[in-house]
Amino acid sequence: MELLLNSQKVLFGGENLFEFLALQGACERKGIAVAVNEEVIAKEDWLQFALQPGDQILIIQPTQGG
């Protein structure tokens, strides 16, 4: 299925948010927030959250600096 990740089109053959994030290498990152269609998804819900074609996924990671 086709998804949008941080405004970029990506293809994904899996089913859930955890699988998708694992393929992106995001599961190992600390302190990230993930939103699907502008709704933040709690980390404990990633495995059960089913993705649908056209979903818009945003991965946010805080940065330091001023």
C-alpha atoms as a PDB file:
ATOM      1  CA  MET A   1       0.000   0.000   0.000  1.00  0.00           C
ATOM      2  CA  GLU A   2       1.057   3.592  -0.479  1.00  0.00           C
ATOM      3  CA  LEU A   3       1.551   5.761   2.612  1.00  0.00           C
ATOM      4  CA  LEU A   4       2.943   9.209   3.292  1.00  0.00           C
ATOM      5  CA  LEU A   5       5.869   9.360   5.717  1.00  0.00           C
ATOM      6  CA  ASN A   6       6.799  12.908   6.694  1.00  0.00           C
ATOM      7  CA  SER A   7       5.197  14.068   3.400  1.00  0.00           C
ATOM      8  CA  GLN A   8       7.112  11.516   1.251  1.00  0.00           C
ATOM      9  CA  LYS A   9       5.345   8.671  -0.582  1.00  0.00           C
ATOM     10  CA  VAL A  10       6.468   5.208   0.536  1.00  0.00           C
ATOM     11  CA  LEU A  11       5.272   1.689  -0.271  1.00  0.00           C
ATOM     12  CA  PHE A  12       4.552  -0.737   2.552  1.00  0.00           C
ATOM     13  CA  GLY A  13       3.519  -4.388   2.327  1.00  0.00           C
ATOM     14  CA  GLY A  14       2.850  -4.983   6.014  1.00  0.00           C
ATOM     15  CA  GLU A  15      -0.157  -4.432   8.214  1.00  0.00           C
ATOM     16  CA  ASN A  16       0.553  -2.477  11.370  1.00  0.00           C
ATOM     17  CA  LEU A  17       2.324   0.644  12.551  1.00  0.00           C
ATOM     18  CA  PHE A  18       4.984  -1.281  14.492  1.00  0.00           C
ATOM     19  CA  GLU A  19       6.036  -3.214  11.358  1.00  0.00           C
ATOM     20  CA  PHE A  20       6.224   0.008   9.386  1.00  0.00           C
ATOM     21  CA  LEU A  21       8.278   1.810  12.021  1.00  0.00           C
ATOM     22  CA  ALA A  22      10.622  -1.179  12.361  1.00  0.00           C
ATOM     23  CA  LEU A  23      11.320  -1.057   8.619  1.00  0.00           C
ATOM     24  CA  GLN A  24      12.101   2.650   8.960  1.00  0.00           C
ATOM     25  CA  GLY A  25      14.496   1.994  11.856  1.00  0.00           C
ATOM     26  CA  ALA A  26      12.338   4.138  14.118  1.00  0.00           C
ATOM     27  CA  CYS A  27      11.573   1.535  16.795  1.00  0.00           C
ATOM     28  CA  GLU A  28      15.092   1.783  18.218  1.00  0.00           C
ATOM     29  CA  ARG A  29      15.007   5.580  18.504  1.00  0.00           C
ATOM     30  CA  LYS A  30      14.305   7.036  21.922  1.00  0.00           C
ATOM     31  CA  GLY A  31      11.997   9.960  22.523  1.00  0.00           C
ATOM     32  CA  ILE A  32      10.051   9.912  19.268  1.00  0.00           C
ATOM     33  CA  ALA A  33       6.377  10.666  18.785  1.00  0.00           C
ATOM     34  CA  VAL A  34       4.351   9.140  15.973  1.00  0.00           C
ATOM     35  CA  ALA A  35       1.133  10.521  14.531  1.00  0.00           C
ATOM     36  CA  VAL A  36      -1.120   8.903  11.935  1.00  0.00           C
ATOM     37  CA  ASN A  37      -3.524  11.235  10.160  1.00  0.00           C
ATOM     38  CA  GLU A  38      -2.748  13.944  12.745  1.00  0.00           C
ATOM     39  CA  GLU A  39      -3.532  11.694  15.743  1.00  0.00           C
ATOM     40  CA  VAL A  40      -0.670  10.798  18.090  1.00  0.00           C
ATOM     41  CA  ILE A  41      -0.422   7.026  18.586  1.00  0.00           C
ATOM     42  CA  ALA A  42       0.902   5.835  21.957  1.00  0.00           C
ATOM     43  CA  LYS A  43       3.920   3.527  21.732  1.00  0.00           C
ATOM     44  CA  GLU A  44       2.035   0.709  23.466  1.00  0.00           C
ATOM     45  CA  ASP A  45      -0.561   0.830  20.645  1.00  0.00           C
ATOM     46  CA  TRP A  46       1.851   0.589  17.691  1.00  0.00           C
ATOM     47  CA  LEU A  47       1.527  -3.198  17.367  1.00  0.00           C
ATOM     48  CA  GLN A  48      -2.283  -3.152  17.267  1.00  0.00           C
ATOM     49  CA  PHE A  49      -2.641  -0.052  15.071  1.00  0.00           C
ATOM     50  CA  ALA A  50      -3.621  -1.201  11.550  1.00  0.00           C
ATOM     51  CA  LEU A  51      -2.480   1.026   8.707  1.00  0.00           C
ATOM     52  CA  GLN A  52      -4.708   1.842   5.738  1.00  0.00           C
ATOM     53  CA  PRO A  53      -3.717   2.923   2.216  1.00  0.00           C
ATOM     54  CA  GLY A  54      -3.158   6.663   2.089  1.00  0.00           C
ATOM     55  CA  ASP A  55      -2.430   7.066   5.800  1.00  0.00           C
ATOM     56  CA  GLN A  56      -0.216  10.028   6.626  1.00  0.00           C
ATOM     57  CA  ILE A  57       2.479   9.152   9.150  1.00  0.00           C
ATOM     58  CA  LEU A  58       4.571  11.750  10.918  1.00  0.00           C
ATOM     59  CA  ILE A  59       7.621  10.795  12.994  1.00  0.00           C
ATOM     60  CA  ILE A  60       8.791  13.564  15.302  1.00  0.00           C
ATOM     61  CA  GLN A  61      12.070  13.530  17.213  1.00  0.00           C
ATOM     62  CA  PRO A  62      13.057  16.428  19.458  1.00  0.00           C
ATOM     63  CA  THR A  63      16.384  18.137  18.863  1.00  0.00           C
ATOM     64  CA  GLN A  64      18.616  20.086  21.202  1.00  0.00           C
ATOM     65  CA  GLY A  65      19.813  23.559  20.615  1.00  0.00           C
ATOM     66  CA  GLY A  66      18.648  27.080  20.833  1.00  0.00           C
END
